[in-house]
Protein backbone atom coordinates (compact mmCIF):
# COMPACT_ATOMS: atom_id res chain seq x y z
CA MET A 1 19.54 13.28 67.28
CA THR A 2 20.41 15.02 64.00
CA ARG A 3 17.71 16.14 61.56
CA GLU A 4 18.70 13.29 59.22
CA GLU A 5 18.50 10.73 62.03
CA LEU A 6 15.12 12.09 63.10
CA GLY A 7 13.81 11.90 59.53
CA ARG A 8 15.04 8.34 59.15
CA ALA A 9 13.52 7.31 62.50
CA LEU A 10 10.24 9.02 61.61
CA ARG A 11 10.07 7.24 58.26
CA ASP A 12 11.03 3.88 59.78
CA ALA A 13 8.31 4.23 62.44
CA ALA A 14 5.44 5.73 60.45
CA TYR A 15 5.74 4.94 56.73
CA LEU A 16 3.21 2.37 55.50
CA GLU A 17 2.47 1.17 51.97
CA GLY A 18 -0.94 0.04 50.73
CA ASP A 19 -4.21 1.62 49.66
CA PHE A 20 -5.25 4.39 52.04
CA VAL A 21 -7.99 7.03 52.10
CA LEU A 22 -6.68 10.28 53.59
CA ARG A 23 -8.67 12.81 55.64
CA SER A 24 -8.88 14.92 52.47
CA GLY A 25 -10.73 12.06 50.79
CA ARG A 26 -7.85 11.42 48.41
CA ARG A 27 -6.40 7.93 47.97
CA SER A 28 -2.74 7.27 48.50
CA LYS A 29 -0.36 4.34 48.03
CA TYR A 30 1.46 5.38 51.21
CA TYR A 31 0.49 6.63 54.63
CA LEU A 32 2.45 8.36 57.37
CA ASP A 33 0.80 7.11 60.56
CA LYS A 34 1.17 9.99 63.00
CA TYR A 35 0.30 7.82 65.97
CA ARG A 36 3.35 5.67 65.26
CA PHE A 37 5.59 8.66 65.96
CA GLU A 38 3.47 10.72 68.36
CA THR A 39 3.17 7.90 70.88
CA ARG A 40 6.88 7.10 71.11
CA PRO A 41 8.86 9.19 73.62
CA ASP A 42 12.11 8.59 71.69
CA LEU A 43 10.54 10.41 68.70
CA LEU A 44 8.09 12.73 70.46
CA GLY A 45 10.85 14.42 72.48
CA PRO A 46 13.05 15.28 69.47
CA LEU A 47 9.98 16.31 67.44
CA GLY A 48 8.86 18.63 70.26
CA LYS A 49 12.33 20.17 70.35
CA ALA A 50 12.37 20.64 66.56
CA ILE A 51 8.89 22.20 66.60
CA ALA A 52 9.84 24.56 69.46
CA GLU A 53 12.99 25.61 67.55
CA THR A 54 10.98 26.20 64.37
CA VAL A 55 8.43 28.31 66.26
CA ARG A 56 11.25 30.40 67.81
CA GLU A 57 12.83 30.89 64.38
CA HIS A 58 9.74 31.64 62.30
CA GLU A 59 7.28 33.09 64.84
CA PRO A 60 9.49 34.61 67.54
CA GLY A 61 6.65 36.77 68.84
CA ALA A 62 4.35 33.83 69.51
CA ASP A 63 2.54 33.95 72.84
CA ARG A 64 1.25 30.37 72.53
CA ILE A 65 1.07 27.41 70.25
CA ALA A 66 -2.15 25.63 69.30
CA ALA A 67 -3.02 22.18 68.01
CA PRO A 68 -6.15 20.61 66.60
CA ALA A 69 -7.60 17.75 68.64
CA VAL A 70 -6.71 14.89 68.78
CA GLY A 71 -3.86 14.37 66.34
CA ALA A 72 -1.40 17.10 67.19
CA ILE A 73 -1.98 17.51 70.94
CA ALA A 74 1.00 15.34 71.91
CA LEU A 75 3.22 17.34 69.55
CA ALA A 76 2.04 20.66 71.00
CA ALA A 77 2.59 19.38 74.54
CA ALA A 78 6.12 18.22 73.68
CA ALA A 79 6.91 21.56 71.99
CA SER A 80 5.42 23.43 74.96
CA LEU A 81 7.60 21.52 77.40
CA ASP A 82 10.72 22.14 75.32
CA GLY A 83 10.08 25.75 74.32
CA GLY A 84 8.16 27.03 77.34
CA LEU A 85 5.18 28.40 75.42
CA PRO A 86 1.74 27.44 76.73
CA PHE A 87 -0.51 25.64 74.27
CA LEU A 88 -4.15 25.60 73.26
CA ILE A 89 -6.25 22.70 72.04
CA VAL A 90 -8.71 23.39 69.23
CA ARG A 91 -11.72 21.08 69.28
CA ASP A 92 -13.64 20.13 66.14
CA ALA A 93 -16.69 21.69 67.77
CA ALA A 94 -17.54 23.24 71.12
CA LYS A 95 -18.41 20.61 73.68
CA GLU A 96 -21.96 20.64 74.99
CA TYR A 97 -21.07 20.40 78.67
CA GLY A 98 -18.82 22.10 81.21
CA THR A 99 -17.40 25.31 79.81
CA ALA A 100 -18.62 24.56 76.24
CA ASN A 101 -15.30 25.80 74.86
CA ARG A 102 -14.11 25.14 71.34
CA ILE A 103 -10.63 26.30 72.30
CA GLU A 104 -9.23 24.80 75.49
CA GLY A 105 -6.57 26.62 77.47
CA VAL A 106 -6.09 30.17 78.70
CA PHE A 107 -5.50 32.98 76.20
CA ASN A 108 -6.10 36.67 75.67
CA GLU A 109 -7.64 38.19 72.58
CA GLY A 110 -5.00 39.60 70.24
CA GLU A 111 -2.27 37.12 71.17
CA CYS A 112 -0.05 35.61 68.50
CA VAL A 113 -0.46 31.84 68.12
CA CYS A 114 1.58 29.39 66.06
CA LEU A 115 -0.46 26.43 64.82
CA VAL A 116 1.12 22.97 65.20
CA GLU A 117 0.08 20.09 62.94
CA ASP A 118 1.25 16.53 62.37
CA VAL A 119 0.88 15.54 58.70
CA VAL A 120 -0.51 18.13 56.27
CA THR A 121 -2.05 17.05 52.97
CA SER A 122 -4.67 19.56 51.82
CA ALA A 123 -4.57 21.51 55.13
CA GLY A 124 -8.29 20.98 55.84
CA ALA A 125 -7.88 20.39 59.58
CA ALA A 126 -5.36 23.21 59.86
CA VAL A 127 -7.71 25.67 58.15
CA GLU A 128 -10.60 24.64 60.43
CA SER A 129 -8.39 25.24 63.48
CA LEU A 130 -7.09 28.50 62.05
CA GLU A 131 -10.64 29.79 61.54
CA ALA A 132 -11.60 28.87 65.12
CA LEU A 133 -8.51 30.59 66.53
CA ARG A 134 -9.13 33.74 64.52
CA ALA A 135 -12.81 33.75 65.49
CA ALA A 136 -11.61 33.81 69.12
CA GLY A 137 -9.58 36.95 68.37
CA LEU A 138 -6.16 35.31 68.08
CA ARG A 139 -3.59 36.16 65.41
CA VAL A 140 -2.19 33.27 63.37
CA SER A 141 0.28 33.66 60.50
CA THR A 142 2.52 30.61 60.89
CA ALA A 143 1.90 26.87 61.08
CA VAL A 144 4.52 24.21 61.81
CA CYS A 145 3.96 20.61 60.80
CA VAL A 146 6.01 17.45 61.10
CA VAL A 147 5.43 16.38 57.48
CA ASP A 148 4.07 18.26 54.49
CA ARG A 149 2.80 15.68 51.99
CA GLU A 150 3.21 18.38 49.30
CA GLU A 151 -0.34 17.96 48.04
CA GLY A 152 -1.65 21.51 48.26
CA GLY A 153 -1.49 22.31 51.96
CA VAL A 154 1.11 25.08 51.57
CA ASP A 155 -1.02 26.86 48.96
CA GLU A 156 -4.26 26.40 50.89
CA LEU A 157 -2.75 27.90 54.05
CA ALA A 158 -1.20 30.72 52.00
CA ARG A 159 -4.73 31.59 50.78
CA HIS A 160 -5.51 32.15 54.48
CA ALA A 161 -2.36 34.26 55.03
CA VAL A 162 -0.54 31.48 56.91
CA ARG A 163 2.94 30.24 56.08
CA LEU A 164 3.54 26.51 56.56
CA ARG A 165 6.91 25.56 58.01
CA PRO A 166 7.34 21.77 57.73
CA LEU A 167 10.05 19.91 59.62
CA PHE A 168 10.11 17.47 56.68
CA THR A 169 8.51 17.15 53.27
CA ALA A 170 7.19 13.83 52.02
CA SER A 171 9.69 13.85 49.15
CA GLU A 172 12.56 14.19 51.66
CA LEU A 173 11.30 11.25 53.70
CA LEU A 174 10.49 9.10 50.68
CA GLU A 175 13.68 9.59 48.68
CA ASN A 176 15.39 7.00 50.89
CA PRO A 177 12.71 4.39 51.62
CA ALA A 178 12.76 2.67 54.98
CA ASN A 179 14.95 -0.38 55.21
CA PRO A 180 12.72 -3.20 56.48
CA HIS A 181 15.77 -5.21 57.47
CA GLY A 182 17.09 -2.56 59.87
């Protein structure tokens, strides 16, 4: 699947119009429903491959990838399978039972981790995950996302010394709206 075909398929599967409240609290006339592309093997496989390639290109020294729960776990798993890097899951908070870990998976302090995200708006979830990873002694300087909504996420991550590498920007996906008639 070419990049253009993947972008078209992603838009056709996930682009919704209406009145939506985003995680950031902002309102939007459109929504990119990550679950509509993360739950489809025909899209998840190519997205995992594209993420793995982007990690290799922009963070070649990465020891692992990491994803915030729940949204980006499927993407991290697909990228892990394609690229061979193990992945970590960053919880919103440490669980209160079992190991009580906030970060799930095996890692060593000082390792380089590339953060994987689905749709980035203001980068709030990414920054929360980044802070948890750094608090655990991991190095993070690159994040890869499927779609950057171009609403401040790049700048917010830059303030935390992280470079966002989107597979697609919202303007790229929206310049050719989905054809509802196929």
